[in-house]
């Protein structure tokens, strides 16, 4: 089950001479690079797809869409779009953050039996959206550690401060608040992490298994509006449905940009930057992102 019987819908005749054509070619190129990287580095070709491999995939049965959720790459707004497609809401603007993430309105693919999983993998349009790995990482760090959070501070913050901060105060050890980016990177790169991995900074490779599941559409956060609206056009979504532009959380705060990302990574030693790049190397390669710093090899 390594390939799909579905391919991107063919361009209609009225699409062939306008912007859709170049977006279609970009998709072909992205998929080609992904396939080449998989065949070069991965031996997944004969592995069986299990419910674990599809546990991050959301299902929209009406328009026959499978969306693999990559946190910090527009996932809240994508879930809003899926809810509108499914008839659960009339507009993306009406859907609150907590409804998106904790409402359980959207079905996950691992909730179906084996036959249901394989049927959808074979016949639905499978898509994922990704983001420059360092930028995605800084976005996750800012969201989870620079704002009050009653999960990430006690669960991750306490463990990180306890392990990596010399002379930590009792207050810091008690609350887990105030984790520094350098400490967070020490945790990320530690093979004996004091607390496990998290979906917000895991590899796309592990979250979505792109060498095992043959995705039909690969969008990028950096060209979100264009890619998202092209995808909606391809699946025949209602014309008045466009991808929302609003920032879901901390809306008064600037989005994590390349410049902001570089400011955070400037706090690290060259060795930590290199090891961070090595950590996300497959994502850089598979999704054709260039090296974020010139001194990386």
Protein backbone atom coordinates (compact mmCIF):
# COMPACT_ATOMS: atom_id res chain seq x y z
CA UNK A 1 0.00 0.00 0.00
CA UNK A 2 2.76 2.38 -0.96
CA UNK A 3 0.99 4.08 -3.82
CA UNK A 4 -2.34 5.65 -4.38
CA UNK A 5 -4.80 4.99 -7.17
CA UNK A 6 -5.69 8.67 -6.82
CA UNK A 7 -3.62 11.36 -8.41
CA UNK A 8 -4.17 15.06 -8.35
CA UNK A 9 -7.33 15.82 -10.27
CA UNK A 10 -6.41 16.68 -13.85
CA UNK A 11 -6.54 20.34 -14.72
CA UNK A 12 -9.73 21.39 -16.43
CA UNK A 13 -9.30 23.00 -19.84
CA UNK A 14 -10.00 26.49 -18.49
CA UNK A 15 -7.15 26.07 -15.98
CA UNK A 16 -4.41 25.17 -18.39
CA UNK A 17 -3.25 28.65 -19.33
CA UNK A 18 -3.39 30.43 -16.02
CA UNK A 19 -1.71 30.31 -12.59
CA UNK A 20 -2.99 26.80 -11.80
CA UNK A 21 -0.67 25.29 -14.38
CA UNK A 22 2.50 26.51 -12.65
CA UNK A 23 1.15 25.41 -9.25
CA UNK A 24 0.44 21.99 -10.73
CA UNK A 25 4.05 21.77 -11.93
CA UNK A 26 5.33 22.81 -8.49
CA UNK A 27 3.31 19.93 -6.98
CA UNK A 28 4.81 17.43 -9.44
CA UNK A 29 8.30 18.63 -8.54
CA UNK A 30 7.70 18.42 -4.77
CA UNK A 31 6.32 14.91 -5.06
CA UNK A 32 9.22 13.85 -7.26
CA UNK A 33 11.82 15.13 -4.77
CA UNK A 34 9.98 13.39 -1.94
CA UNK A 35 9.89 10.07 -3.84
CA UNK A 36 13.57 10.31 -4.80
CA UNK A 37 14.60 11.04 -1.21
CA UNK A 38 12.52 8.11 0.03
CA UNK A 39 13.97 5.65 -2.47
CA UNK A 40 17.51 6.82 -1.66
CA UNK A 41 17.34 6.82 2.14
CA UNK A 42 14.39 4.71 3.25
CA UNK A 43 13.58 1.03 3.11
CA UNK A 44 9.87 1.48 3.84
CA UNK A 45 8.64 0.20 0.50
CA UNK A 46 7.42 -3.14 1.82
CA UNK A 47 6.31 -2.14 5.28
CA UNK A 48 2.67 -2.58 6.23
CA UNK A 49 0.71 0.55 7.12
CA UNK A 50 -0.55 0.25 10.70
CA UNK A 51 -3.05 2.42 12.62
CA UNK A 52 -0.01 4.10 14.25
CA UNK A 53 1.20 5.38 10.85
CA UNK A 54 -2.15 7.07 10.19
CA UNK A 55 -2.87 8.35 13.71
CA UNK A 56 -2.15 11.98 12.71
CA UNK A 57 -4.36 11.87 9.63
CA UNK A 58 -7.77 13.58 9.76
CA UNK A 59 -10.63 12.38 7.55
CA UNK A 60 -13.15 14.47 5.62
CA UNK A 61 -15.56 12.03 3.96
CA UNK A 62 -17.72 14.45 1.99
CA UNK A 63 -14.93 15.78 -0.24
CA UNK A 64 -12.80 12.65 0.31
CA UNK A 65 -9.79 14.35 1.86
CA UNK A 66 -7.11 12.95 4.19
CA UNK A 67 -5.06 15.63 5.95
CA UNK A 68 -1.93 14.77 7.92
CA UNK A 69 -1.60 17.27 10.73
CA UNK A 70 1.81 18.93 11.09
CA UNK A 71 1.69 21.30 14.09
CA UNK A 72 2.86 24.90 13.55
CA UNK A 73 2.22 24.65 9.80
CA UNK A 74 -1.31 26.01 9.64
CA UNK A 75 -2.97 22.96 11.23
CA UNK A 76 -5.61 24.87 13.25
CA UNK A 77 -6.86 26.67 10.16
CA UNK A 78 -6.76 23.49 8.09
CA UNK A 79 -8.96 21.78 10.67
CA UNK A 80 -11.36 24.73 10.43
CA UNK A 81 -11.49 24.28 6.65
CA UNK A 82 -12.18 20.53 7.02
CA UNK A 83 -14.99 21.28 9.48
CA UNK A 84 -16.61 23.67 6.99
CA UNK A 85 -16.22 21.12 4.17
CA UNK A 86 -17.87 18.55 6.40
CA UNK A 87 -20.85 20.84 7.09
CA UNK A 88 -19.96 21.21 10.79
CA UNK A 89 -19.72 25.00 10.50
CA UNK A 90 -20.75 27.56 7.89
CA UNK A 91 -17.59 29.67 8.14
CA UNK A 92 -14.01 29.22 9.39
CA UNK A 93 -14.40 32.49 11.35
CA UNK A 94 -17.06 30.91 13.59
CA UNK A 95 -14.77 28.18 14.96
CA UNK A 96 -12.86 28.83 18.20
CA UNK A 97 -9.38 27.42 18.92
CA UNK A 98 -10.63 25.03 21.63
CA UNK A 99 -13.39 23.75 19.34
CA UNK A 100 -10.77 22.97 16.70
CA UNK A 101 -8.38 21.10 18.98
CA UNK A 102 -10.53 19.64 21.73
CA UNK A 103 -13.98 19.31 20.15
CA UNK A 104 -13.33 15.90 18.51
CA UNK A 105 -15.50 16.91 15.56
CA UNK A 106 -13.08 15.50 13.00
CA UNK A 107 -12.46 11.79 12.62
CA UNK A 108 -8.94 10.38 12.57
CA UNK A 109 -8.00 7.66 10.13
CA UNK A 110 -6.82 5.27 12.88
CA UNK A 111 -10.39 5.22 14.21
CA UNK A 112 -11.50 3.10 11.23
CA UNK A 113 -11.01 -0.63 10.78
CA UNK A 114 -8.33 -1.98 8.45
CA UNK A 115 -10.69 -2.05 5.47
CA UNK A 116 -11.84 1.54 6.12
CA UNK A 117 -8.25 2.75 6.43
CA UNK A 118 -7.10 1.11 3.20
CA UNK A 119 -10.19 2.15 1.26
CA UNK A 120 -9.61 5.82 2.17
CA UNK A 121 -5.86 5.67 1.53
CA UNK A 122 -6.57 4.27 -1.93
CA UNK A 123 -9.37 6.57 -2.98
CA UNK A 124 -9.15 9.89 -1.08
CA UNK A 125 -6.89 12.87 -1.86
CA UNK A 126 -4.07 12.75 0.71
CA UNK A 127 -2.35 15.99 1.63
CA UNK A 128 0.04 17.50 4.11
CA UNK A 129 1.44 20.99 4.71
CA UNK A 130 4.97 21.49 5.96
CA UNK A 131 7.15 24.37 7.13
CA UNK A 132 10.86 25.24 7.22
CA UNK A 133 12.06 22.97 10.09
CA UNK A 134 14.00 25.55 12.19
CA UNK A 135 11.19 28.09 11.80
CA UNK A 136 8.61 25.48 12.83
CA UNK A 137 10.76 24.62 15.86
CA UNK A 138 11.10 28.26 17.01
CA UNK A 139 7.36 28.77 16.47
CA UNK A 140 6.65 25.78 18.73
CA UNK A 141 9.12 26.98 21.38
CA UNK A 142 7.61 30.48 21.48
CA UNK A 143 4.08 29.12 21.69
CA UNK A 144 4.69 26.49 24.38
CA UNK A 145 7.41 28.03 26.56
CA UNK A 146 7.10 31.82 26.26
CA UNK A 147 3.42 31.92 27.20
CA UNK A 148 1.61 30.49 30.22
CA UNK A 149 0.88 26.83 29.59
CA UNK A 150 -0.48 24.37 32.13
CA UNK A 151 0.84 21.34 30.25
CA UNK A 152 4.20 22.18 28.67
CA UNK A 153 5.63 24.07 31.67
CA UNK A 154 5.00 21.38 34.31
CA UNK A 155 5.60 18.39 32.03
CA UNK A 156 8.48 19.56 29.80
CA UNK A 157 9.69 22.76 31.50
CA UNK A 158 10.36 21.23 34.91
CA UNK A 159 12.27 18.29 33.42
CA UNK A 160 14.32 20.56 31.11
CA UNK A 161 15.25 23.08 33.84
CA UNK A 162 16.07 20.30 36.31
CA UNK A 163 18.39 18.54 33.84
CA UNK A 164 20.10 21.42 32.01
CA UNK A 165 20.10 24.52 34.24
CA UNK A 166 22.93 24.93 36.73
CA UNK A 167 21.83 26.52 40.02
CA UNK A 168 18.15 26.61 39.03
CA UNK A 169 15.95 28.47 41.52
CA UNK A 170 13.35 26.61 43.55
CA UNK A 171 10.66 28.65 41.80
CA UNK A 172 11.87 27.60 38.33
CA UNK A 173 12.05 23.95 39.41
CA UNK A 174 8.55 24.19 40.93
CA UNK A 175 6.80 25.82 37.96
CA UNK A 176 8.89 24.79 34.94
CA UNK A 177 8.39 28.29 33.53
CA UNK A 178 11.10 30.32 31.81
CA UNK A 179 12.83 27.60 29.77
CA UNK A 180 15.53 29.18 27.61
CA UNK A 181 15.86 28.26 23.93
CA UNK A 182 19.38 26.90 24.50
CA UNK A 183 18.06 24.57 27.24
CA UNK A 184 15.24 23.46 24.98
CA UNK A 185 17.77 22.55 22.25
CA UNK A 186 19.87 20.64 24.80
CA UNK A 187 16.77 18.59 25.59
CA UNK A 188 15.95 18.07 21.90
CA UNK A 189 19.43 16.77 21.06
CA UNK A 190 19.81 14.61 24.18
CA UNK A 191 19.52 10.90 23.36
CA UNK A 192 18.62 10.35 27.04
CA UNK A 193 15.89 13.00 27.13
CA UNK A 194 14.40 13.46 30.61
CA UNK A 195 10.94 13.64 29.00
CA UNK A 196 9.77 12.16 25.70
CA UNK A 197 9.27 13.57 22.23
CA UNK A 198 6.33 15.79 21.30
CA UNK A 199 4.41 16.22 18.04
CA UNK A 200 5.20 19.96 17.97
CA UNK A 201 8.90 19.32 17.36
CA UNK A 202 8.97 15.81 15.95
CA UNK A 203 10.06 15.19 12.34
CA UNK A 204 7.40 15.42 9.63
CA UNK A 205 8.91 12.15 8.53
CA UNK A 206 7.71 10.46 11.71
CA UNK A 207 4.39 12.28 12.00
CA UNK A 208 3.14 11.62 8.47
CA UNK A 209 5.25 8.68 7.14
CA UNK A 210 5.62 10.20 3.63
CA UNK A 211 7.77 7.30 2.45
CA UNK A 212 5.01 4.86 3.33
CA UNK A 213 1.95 6.91 2.40
CA UNK A 214 1.90 8.32 -1.10
CA UNK A 215 0.66 11.90 -0.55
CA UNK A 216 -1.11 13.48 -3.51
CA UNK A 217 -0.51 17.08 -2.45
CA UNK A 218 2.38 18.68 -0.55
CA UNK A 219 1.77 22.26 0.51
CA UNK A 220 4.19 24.66 2.18
CA UNK A 221 3.50 27.12 4.97
CA UNK A 222 5.67 29.66 3.13
CA UNK A 223 3.23 29.73 0.19
CA UNK A 224 0.18 28.79 2.28
CA UNK A 225 -2.48 31.00 0.73
CA UNK A 226 -1.60 30.06 -2.85
CA UNK A 227 -1.11 26.33 -2.13
CA UNK A 228 -4.19 26.03 0.09
CA UNK A 229 -6.54 27.73 -2.32
CA UNK A 230 -5.14 25.66 -5.20
CA UNK A 231 -5.87 22.51 -3.20
CA UNK A 232 -9.42 23.68 -2.46
CA UNK A 233 -9.87 24.39 -6.18
CA UNK A 234 -8.66 20.88 -7.08
CA UNK A 235 -11.04 19.07 -4.73
CA UNK A 236 -14.01 21.14 -5.96
CA UNK A 237 -14.61 22.97 -2.66
CA UNK A 238 -17.27 25.71 -2.58
CA UNK A 239 -15.88 28.83 -4.25
CA UNK A 240 -16.62 31.03 -1.25
CA UNK A 241 -14.39 28.87 0.97
CA UNK A 242 -10.85 30.22 1.12
CA UNK A 243 -8.06 29.43 3.54
CA UNK A 244 -8.29 31.71 6.62
CA UNK A 245 -5.48 34.24 7.03
CA UNK A 246 -5.84 34.87 10.76
CA UNK A 247 -3.21 33.81 13.29
CA UNK A 248 -4.79 31.33 15.66
CA UNK A 249 -2.99 32.00 18.95
CA UNK A 250 -1.23 35.05 20.42
CA UNK A 251 -2.67 37.04 17.54
CA UNK A 252 -1.07 40.31 18.68
CA UNK A 253 2.38 38.73 18.44
CA UNK A 254 4.43 38.70 15.23
CA UNK A 255 4.49 35.37 13.38
CA UNK A 256 7.75 33.45 13.56
CA UNK A 257 9.71 34.64 10.53
CA UNK A 258 13.13 33.74 9.11
CA UNK A 259 14.59 36.77 10.90
CA UNK A 260 13.10 35.79 14.28
CA UNK A 261 14.27 32.20 13.77
CA UNK A 262 17.83 33.36 13.11
CA UNK A 263 17.79 35.45 16.30
CA UNK A 264 16.94 32.36 18.34
CA UNK A 265 19.51 30.14 16.62
CA UNK A 266 22.18 32.84 17.11
CA UNK A 267 21.98 31.95 20.83
CA UNK A 268 23.42 28.50 20.07
CA UNK A 269 26.97 27.34 19.47
CA UNK A 270 27.91 26.36 15.88
CA UNK A 271 27.98 22.73 17.06
CA UNK A 272 24.40 22.94 18.45
CA UNK A 273 23.21 24.54 15.21
CA UNK A 274 24.85 21.76 13.19
CA UNK A 275 23.38 19.04 15.39
CA UNK A 276 19.93 20.65 15.15
CA UNK A 277 20.26 20.64 11.36
CA UNK A 278 21.34 16.99 11.44
CA UNK A 279 18.31 16.22 13.60
CA UNK A 280 15.95 17.60 10.92
CA UNK A 281 18.13 16.62 7.96
CA UNK A 282 15.58 14.28 6.36
CA UNK A 283 12.88 16.95 6.51
CA UNK A 284 15.24 19.49 4.92
CA UNK A 285 16.08 17.03 2.17
CA UNK A 286 12.66 15.57 1.54
CA UNK A 287 10.89 18.92 1.30
CA UNK A 288 13.70 20.73 -0.50
CA UNK A 289 14.46 23.44 2.05
CA UNK A 290 17.87 25.10 1.76
CA UNK A 291 20.36 25.18 4.65
CA UNK A 292 19.33 27.91 7.08
CA UNK A 293 22.93 28.89 7.92
CA UNK A 294 25.94 29.09 5.63
CA UNK A 295 28.30 27.34 8.06
CA UNK A 296 26.25 24.12 8.06
CA UNK A 297 27.49 21.12 6.13
